[in-house]
Amino acid sequence: MVRRATEVLGVGHVAHWMRSRIPSLGNQTPYSLIKTEDGCVQVEQTLLKIEHGVY
């Protein structure tokens, strides 16, 4: 998932984003969510929105 986030956000932003509380993720950090399958799905959906300019 970190690799995917790097593809979407760029290497200079991914570490900060992974540790930031994201409103669309229920104010949880992507890093905390990727520990479960459901959390990975939520993070991937958010990355897709960012990638397509929906976020």
Protein backbone atom coordinates (compact mmCIF):
# COMPACT_ATOMS: atom_id res chain seq x y z
CA MET A 1 0.00 0.00 0.00
CA VAL A 2 2.90 2.35 0.67
CA ARG A 3 4.14 1.72 -2.86
CA ARG A 4 0.71 2.60 -4.25
CA ALA A 5 0.55 5.76 -2.14
CA THR A 6 4.01 6.73 -3.43
CA GLU A 7 2.81 6.31 -7.02
CA VAL A 8 -0.15 8.61 -6.41
CA LEU A 9 1.34 11.17 -4.02
CA GLY A 10 5.02 11.13 -4.85
CA VAL A 11 7.95 10.15 -2.70
CA GLY A 12 8.16 13.58 -1.07
CA HIS A 13 4.61 13.47 0.32
CA VAL A 14 3.83 9.86 1.11
CA ALA A 15 5.42 9.65 4.58
CA HIS A 16 3.54 12.71 5.82
CA TRP A 17 0.25 11.56 4.29
CA MET A 18 0.52 8.05 5.76
CA ARG A 19 0.85 9.53 9.26
CA SER A 20 -1.75 12.32 8.88
CA ARG A 21 -5.32 12.05 10.09
CA ILE A 22 -7.42 12.00 6.91
CA PRO A 23 -11.03 13.23 7.21
CA SER A 24 -12.32 10.83 4.53
CA LEU A 25 -10.81 7.97 6.53
CA GLY A 26 -12.70 8.91 9.69
CA ASN A 27 -9.79 11.05 10.92
CA GLN A 28 -7.61 7.97 11.13
CA THR A 29 -4.15 7.69 9.64
CA PRO A 30 -3.64 5.56 6.54
CA TYR A 31 -0.77 3.87 8.38
CA SER A 32 -3.09 2.67 11.14
CA LEU A 33 -5.70 1.45 8.66
CA ILE A 34 -3.44 -0.63 6.43
CA LYS A 35 -3.07 -3.18 9.20
CA THR A 36 -6.43 -4.71 8.23
CA GLU A 37 -7.94 -5.81 4.92
CA ASP A 38 -10.91 -3.45 5.28
CA GLY A 39 -8.57 -0.59 6.12
CA CYS A 40 -6.49 -1.31 3.02
CA VAL A 41 -9.63 -1.08 0.92
CA GLN A 42 -10.51 2.29 2.46
CA VAL A 43 -7.01 3.65 1.85
CA GLU A 44 -6.99 2.37 -1.74
CA GLN A 45 -10.35 4.01 -2.43
CA THR A 46 -9.04 7.30 -1.08
CA LEU A 47 -5.92 7.04 -3.22
CA LEU A 48 -8.07 6.37 -6.29
CA LYS A 49 -10.09 9.51 -5.55
CA ILE A 50 -6.91 11.54 -5.19
CA GLU A 51 -5.48 10.08 -8.36
CA HIS A 52 -8.60 10.97 -10.35
CA GLY A 53 -9.00 14.44 -8.84
CA VAL A 54 -12.15 13.61 -6.91
CA TYR A 55 -10.68 14.23 -3.45
